[in-house]
Amino acid sequence: MSLIVIVLALLIEQVRPMPVARWVLRPLGRLATYIEEKLNDGRLNSGVAATALLVVSCTGATWLIYGLLESVQPVLAFAFSLLVLYMTMGVRHESHYFTDIHVALRLGELSRARMLLGEWSGRDCEAADSSEVTRLAIEQALVSAHRNVYGAIFWFILLPGPVGAVLYRVSSFLDLHWGARQDEEFGRFGEASRAWFGWIDWLPVRLTAFSFSVVGNFEDAVLCWRTQSGLWMNRSSGILLSSGGGALGVRLGLPRHEAGQLVDRPEMGCGDDARIEFMQGTVGLIWRALCFCLLALALIGIASWVAH
């Protein structure tokens, strides 16, 4: 049944994308800000308490509603799972940025591509040339695909009903909302959410990298994954970028312009410098990896059915 829910959620999202910022990110942001204002004293323990409070409350409420619906009518529980997965997982949550950047570069509108990339990544991209914009967009797409699709699918399969999808989405959000903050005023409050997400994403990120390797250039993807991923500041992102770059045959990472300076970054992947043509290849890689995951789930389901 889980596979059916996943496929239906993906199909519905292709027809009518969920306005995730309105219905998911903004409510979560307001709730996270309220809890932060009440609990943040700059210490690690307060971050642990806040992360646990938000994660447990969201997943607990989801589990309770799902359990009640399951006891009343399984069809209602199925519909609830579909709705929650539709809200928490989706290829098109951020893919419109990638598509618009691709179109802008094709039309030679570099300034527009820079603006779109800056909005998407939250970083200054005004000094980036066409190759750098392409490279950064591919990097953002690979990480986004994992967080919005593959990681959510893994936990949706692992836990009952839609609980896993909510667990992953909330944890990922807190990692970006609290864990990414490094300012002194914020203190150590965000370390807990960063460590928590690193733990629950440990296996999913490696399965995503494996999927990239299988549907792309396997040897280069695995080699880059083994030799380069540890060089990246964020290990999970390093795994995705090194395996994805190797699978595509494109060099990612490398120095980038930010705030008027050239920021040094290690090379991820291998092969040619980033060109616009690789953006279409990135879309193909993401979709092939998704199809591979769905096929694997289908085969596991068939094997389980035959065994019984």
Protein backbone atom coordinates (compact mmCIF):
# COMPACT_ATOMS: atom_id res chain seq x y z
CA MET A 1 0.00 0.00 0.00
CA SER A 2 2.90 2.36 0.73
CA LEU A 3 4.08 2.16 -2.88
CA ILE A 4 0.59 3.02 -4.15
CA VAL A 5 0.46 6.05 -1.87
CA ILE A 6 3.89 7.23 -3.05
CA VAL A 7 3.01 6.88 -6.74
CA LEU A 8 -0.34 8.64 -6.29
CA ALA A 9 1.27 11.49 -4.34
CA LEU A 10 3.86 11.98 -7.10
CA LEU A 11 1.22 11.91 -9.84
CA ILE A 12 -1.04 14.39 -8.05
CA GLU A 13 1.90 16.69 -7.42
CA GLN A 14 2.81 16.69 -11.12
CA VAL A 15 -0.73 17.79 -11.99
CA ARG A 16 -1.22 20.20 -9.11
CA PRO A 17 1.94 21.11 -7.16
CA MET A 18 1.44 21.78 -3.46
CA PRO A 19 2.13 25.41 -2.41
CA VAL A 20 4.45 24.04 0.26
CA ALA A 21 5.65 27.44 1.45
CA ARG A 22 2.11 28.46 2.35
CA TRP A 23 0.82 25.25 3.87
CA VAL A 24 3.96 23.66 5.36
CA LEU A 25 7.00 25.92 5.68
CA ARG A 26 5.33 29.09 6.99
CA PRO A 27 3.28 27.34 9.72
CA LEU A 28 6.35 25.36 10.75
CA GLY A 29 8.42 28.54 10.72
CA ARG A 30 5.98 30.38 12.99
CA LEU A 31 5.84 27.45 15.40
CA ALA A 32 9.65 27.08 15.41
CA THR A 33 10.12 30.81 16.01
CA TYR A 34 7.66 30.75 18.92
CA ILE A 35 9.43 27.78 20.56
CA GLU A 36 12.83 29.38 19.97
CA GLU A 37 11.73 32.61 21.65
CA LYS A 38 10.46 30.67 24.65
CA LEU A 39 13.28 28.17 25.09
CA ASN A 40 16.49 29.48 23.53
CA ASP A 41 18.99 30.48 26.19
CA GLY A 42 22.00 29.79 23.98
CA ARG A 43 22.74 26.42 25.55
CA LEU A 44 22.77 22.99 23.94
CA ASN A 45 20.24 21.58 26.40
CA SER A 46 17.62 24.12 25.39
CA GLY A 47 18.15 23.13 21.75
CA VAL A 48 17.68 19.47 22.64
CA ALA A 49 14.43 20.27 24.45
CA ALA A 50 13.11 22.46 21.62
CA THR A 51 13.98 19.92 18.90
CA ALA A 52 12.40 17.07 20.85
CA LEU A 53 9.28 19.13 21.57
CA LEU A 54 8.64 20.05 17.95
CA VAL A 55 9.53 16.65 16.46
CA VAL A 56 7.57 14.64 19.02
CA SER A 57 4.51 16.89 18.92
CA CYS A 58 4.25 16.83 15.11
CA THR A 59 4.91 13.12 14.68
CA GLY A 60 2.78 12.23 17.71
CA ALA A 61 -0.19 14.18 16.40
CA THR A 62 0.21 12.51 12.99
CA TRP A 63 0.37 9.04 14.54
CA LEU A 64 -2.68 9.73 16.72
CA ILE A 65 -4.83 10.97 13.79
CA TYR A 66 -3.71 8.09 11.58
CA GLY A 67 -4.45 5.54 14.31
CA LEU A 68 -7.94 6.95 14.93
CA LEU A 69 -8.77 6.95 11.22
CA GLU A 70 -7.42 3.43 10.81
CA SER A 71 -9.69 2.20 13.61
CA VAL A 72 -12.73 3.92 12.10
CA GLN A 73 -12.21 3.31 8.38
CA PRO A 74 -8.98 2.15 6.65
CA VAL A 75 -9.91 4.13 3.53
CA LEU A 76 -9.80 7.34 5.58
CA ALA A 77 -6.36 6.37 6.91
CA PHE A 78 -5.21 5.75 3.33
CA ALA A 79 -6.50 9.17 2.25
CA PHE A 80 -4.81 10.83 5.22
CA SER A 81 -1.49 9.17 4.38
CA LEU A 82 -1.82 10.36 0.79
CA LEU A 83 -2.60 13.92 1.88
CA VAL A 84 0.31 14.10 4.33
CA LEU A 85 2.79 12.62 1.84
CA TYR A 86 1.56 15.05 -0.81
CA MET A 87 2.29 17.91 1.60
CA THR A 88 5.69 16.67 2.74
CA MET A 89 7.23 15.08 -0.36
CA GLY A 90 7.47 16.29 -3.92
CA VAL A 91 9.74 16.65 -6.92
CA ARG A 92 8.29 20.05 -7.76
CA HIS A 93 8.62 21.72 -4.35
CA GLU A 94 11.70 23.58 -5.56
CA SER A 95 12.22 22.31 -9.10
CA HIS A 96 10.61 25.42 -10.62
CA TYR A 97 13.73 27.36 -9.60
CA PHE A 98 15.94 24.89 -11.46
CA THR A 99 13.70 25.00 -14.54
CA ASP A 100 13.57 28.81 -14.58
CA ILE A 101 17.37 29.06 -14.17
CA HIS A 102 17.82 26.61 -17.04
CA VAL A 103 15.51 28.64 -19.29
CA ALA A 104 17.21 31.92 -18.33
CA LEU A 105 20.64 30.54 -19.16
CA ARG A 106 19.38 29.16 -22.46
CA LEU A 107 18.09 32.63 -23.35
CA GLY A 108 21.35 34.28 -22.28
CA GLU A 109 19.66 36.06 -19.34
CA LEU A 110 22.53 35.61 -16.89
CA SER A 111 21.38 38.34 -14.49
CA ARG A 112 17.97 36.69 -14.14
CA ALA A 113 19.59 33.29 -13.60
CA ARG A 114 21.76 34.80 -10.85
CA MET A 115 18.72 36.37 -9.19
CA LEU A 116 16.76 33.10 -9.24
CA LEU A 117 19.70 31.13 -7.88
CA GLY A 118 20.15 33.68 -5.10
CA GLU A 119 16.48 33.37 -4.13
CA TRP A 120 16.70 29.57 -4.16
CA SER A 121 19.96 29.15 -2.28
CA GLY A 122 19.76 32.21 -0.04
CA ARG A 123 23.27 33.25 -1.08
CA ASP A 124 24.78 36.12 -3.06
CA CYS A 125 25.35 35.02 -6.67
CA GLU A 126 25.84 38.39 -8.37
CA ALA A 127 29.46 37.73 -9.39
CA ALA A 128 28.88 34.20 -10.75
CA ASP A 129 29.44 33.53 -14.43
CA SER A 130 27.31 31.15 -16.50
CA SER A 131 29.37 28.07 -15.64
CA GLU A 132 29.29 28.84 -11.93
CA VAL A 133 25.53 29.45 -11.95
CA THR A 134 25.06 26.12 -13.73
CA ARG A 135 27.30 24.33 -11.26
CA LEU A 136 25.60 25.82 -8.20
CA ALA A 137 22.13 25.09 -9.60
CA ILE A 138 23.03 21.43 -10.15
CA GLU A 139 24.39 21.21 -6.61
CA GLN A 140 21.23 22.73 -5.18
CA ALA A 141 19.03 20.41 -7.26
CA LEU A 142 20.79 17.25 -6.08
CA VAL A 143 20.50 18.18 -2.40
CA SER A 144 16.92 19.41 -2.83
CA ALA A 145 15.84 16.19 -4.57
CA HIS A 146 17.17 14.14 -1.69
CA ARG A 147 15.52 16.24 1.02
CA ASN A 148 12.20 16.61 -0.78
CA VAL A 149 11.85 13.11 -2.20
CA TYR A 150 14.24 10.30 -1.35
CA GLY A 151 14.65 10.95 2.36
CA ALA A 152 10.90 11.33 2.85
CA ILE A 153 10.23 8.10 0.93
CA PHE A 154 12.68 6.16 3.11
CA TRP A 155 11.05 7.19 6.38
CA PHE A 156 7.54 6.89 4.97
CA ILE A 157 8.27 3.23 4.17
CA LEU A 158 9.98 2.57 7.49
CA LEU A 159 7.37 3.96 9.93
CA PRO A 160 3.60 3.33 10.02
CA GLY A 161 1.30 5.54 8.00
CA PRO A 162 2.55 9.04 7.25
CA VAL A 163 4.51 9.35 10.52
CA GLY A 164 7.88 8.83 8.85
CA ALA A 165 7.29 11.51 6.22
CA VAL A 166 6.37 14.05 8.91
CA LEU A 167 9.38 13.04 11.01
CA TYR A 168 11.75 13.60 8.11
CA ARG A 169 10.17 16.85 6.89
CA VAL A 170 10.14 18.44 10.36
CA SER A 171 13.69 17.30 11.11
CA SER A 172 14.96 18.60 7.77
CA PHE A 173 13.22 21.92 8.34
CA LEU A 174 14.76 22.34 11.80
CA ASP A 175 18.20 21.51 10.42
CA LEU A 176 17.86 24.40 7.96
CA HIS A 177 16.00 26.75 10.31
CA TRP A 178 18.06 26.22 13.48
CA GLY A 179 20.98 23.94 12.64
CA ALA A 180 22.39 26.14 9.88
CA ARG A 181 22.65 29.21 12.11
CA GLN A 182 26.15 30.01 13.34
CA ASP A 183 25.74 33.49 14.85
CA GLU A 184 27.02 34.05 18.37
CA GLU A 185 23.69 35.38 19.63
CA PHE A 186 21.99 32.09 18.71
CA GLY A 187 24.52 30.15 20.77
CA ARG A 188 24.55 26.36 20.69
CA PHE A 189 20.78 26.12 20.35
CA GLY A 190 20.91 24.81 16.77
CA GLU A 191 23.46 22.06 17.38
CA ALA A 192 20.81 19.62 18.57
CA SER A 193 18.65 19.87 15.46
CA ARG A 194 21.74 19.59 13.25
CA ALA A 195 22.94 16.46 15.04
CA TRP A 196 19.45 14.95 15.09
CA PHE A 197 18.95 15.38 11.35
CA GLY A 198 22.43 14.01 10.67
CA TRP A 199 21.45 10.85 12.55
CA ILE A 200 18.11 10.20 10.84
CA ASP A 201 19.55 11.11 7.42
CA TRP A 202 22.61 8.86 7.74
CA LEU A 203 21.16 5.90 5.85
CA PRO A 204 18.77 7.74 3.46
CA VAL A 205 21.52 9.97 2.06
CA ARG A 206 23.67 6.95 1.31
CA LEU A 207 20.80 5.15 -0.38
CA THR A 208 20.21 8.24 -2.53
CA ALA A 209 23.90 8.33 -3.48
CA PHE A 210 23.73 4.63 -4.34
CA SER A 211 20.71 5.29 -6.56
CA PHE A 212 22.59 8.07 -8.36
CA SER A 213 25.47 5.67 -8.89
CA VAL A 214 23.30 2.85 -10.27
CA VAL A 215 21.48 5.02 -12.84
CA GLY A 216 24.55 7.08 -13.79
CA ASN A 217 28.25 6.39 -14.28
CA PHE A 218 28.63 3.81 -11.50
CA GLU A 219 32.42 3.60 -11.32
CA ASP A 220 33.04 7.35 -11.27
CA ALA A 221 30.18 7.94 -8.84
CA VAL A 222 31.47 5.40 -6.34
CA LEU A 223 35.07 6.55 -6.71
CA CYS A 224 34.16 10.21 -6.14
CA TRP A 225 31.92 9.26 -3.23
CA ARG A 226 34.74 7.35 -1.53
CA THR A 227 37.51 9.87 -2.13
CA GLN A 228 35.77 13.27 -2.04
CA SER A 229 32.71 13.25 0.23
CA GLY A 230 34.75 13.66 3.42
CA LEU A 231 36.31 16.86 2.08
CA TRP A 232 33.00 18.75 2.07
CA MET A 233 32.06 20.73 5.17
CA ASN A 234 28.68 19.00 5.43
CA ARG A 235 29.28 15.27 5.03
CA SER A 236 25.74 14.47 3.84
CA SER A 237 25.86 17.13 1.13
CA GLY A 238 29.36 15.94 0.22
CA ILE A 239 28.04 12.42 -0.36
CA LEU A 240 25.27 13.70 -2.64
CA LEU A 241 27.46 16.10 -4.61
CA SER A 242 30.39 13.72 -5.08
CA SER A 243 28.22 10.77 -6.14
CA GLY A 244 25.93 12.96 -8.25
CA GLY A 245 28.82 14.73 -9.94
CA GLY A 246 30.54 11.42 -10.64
CA ALA A 247 27.32 9.89 -12.00
CA LEU A 248 26.80 12.88 -14.32
CA GLY A 249 30.46 13.27 -15.32
CA VAL A 250 30.58 16.91 -14.22
CA ARG A 251 32.84 18.79 -11.82
CA LEU A 252 30.92 20.32 -8.92
CA GLY A 253 32.15 22.11 -5.81
CA LEU A 254 35.17 24.25 -6.75
CA PRO A 255 35.61 27.92 -5.69
CA ARG A 256 32.56 30.19 -5.85
CA HIS A 257 31.95 33.93 -5.62
CA GLU A 258 30.10 35.14 -2.55
CA ALA A 259 29.83 38.62 -1.02
CA GLY A 260 32.51 39.92 -3.36
CA GLN A 261 35.02 37.24 -2.43
CA LEU A 262 36.15 33.95 -3.95
CA VAL A 263 35.33 31.19 -1.46
CA ASP A 264 37.48 28.08 -1.77
CA ARG A 265 35.64 24.76 -1.96
CA PRO A 266 36.91 21.24 -2.75
CA GLU A 267 36.14 19.60 -6.08
CA MET A 268 33.21 17.18 -6.11
CA GLY A 269 32.57 14.79 -8.96
CA CYS A 270 34.77 14.47 -12.05
CA GLY A 271 34.74 15.01 -15.76
CA ASP A 272 33.87 18.21 -17.63
CA ASP A 273 33.24 21.71 -16.36
CA ALA A 274 29.58 22.51 -15.76
CA ARG A 275 27.68 23.50 -18.91
CA ILE A 276 24.03 24.19 -19.53
CA GLU A 277 23.64 20.77 -21.17
CA PHE A 278 24.35 19.12 -17.83
CA MET A 279 21.22 20.66 -16.32
CA GLN A 280 18.99 18.44 -18.47
CA GLY A 281 21.18 15.50 -17.52
CA THR A 282 20.61 16.34 -13.84
CA VAL A 283 16.84 16.18 -14.32
CA GLY A 284 17.22 12.81 -16.02
CA LEU A 285 19.45 11.49 -13.23
CA ILE A 286 16.96 12.50 -10.54
CA TRP A 287 14.01 10.90 -12.34
CA ARG A 288 15.92 7.71 -13.17
CA ALA A 289 17.00 7.40 -9.53
CA LEU A 290 13.39 7.87 -8.44
CA CYS A 291 12.20 5.18 -10.85
CA PHE A 292 14.94 2.87 -9.58
CA CYS A 293 13.75 3.39 -5.97
CA LEU A 294 10.12 2.72 -6.90
CA LEU A 295 11.09 -0.40 -8.84
CA ALA A 296 13.10 -1.67 -5.88
CA LEU A 297 10.12 -1.09 -3.57
CA ALA A 298 7.83 -2.90 -6.00
CA LEU A 299 10.16 -5.91 -6.18
CA ILE A 300 10.44 -6.03 -2.38
CA GLY A 301 6.65 -5.89 -2.11
CA ILE A 302 6.22 -8.72 -4.65
CA ALA A 303 8.83 -10.86 -2.90
CA SER A 304 7.10 -10.30 0.45
CA TRP A 305 3.72 -11.21 -1.05
CA VAL A 306 5.10 -14.39 -2.64
CA ALA A 307 6.82 -15.38 0.62
CA HIS A 308 3.50 -15.22 2.44
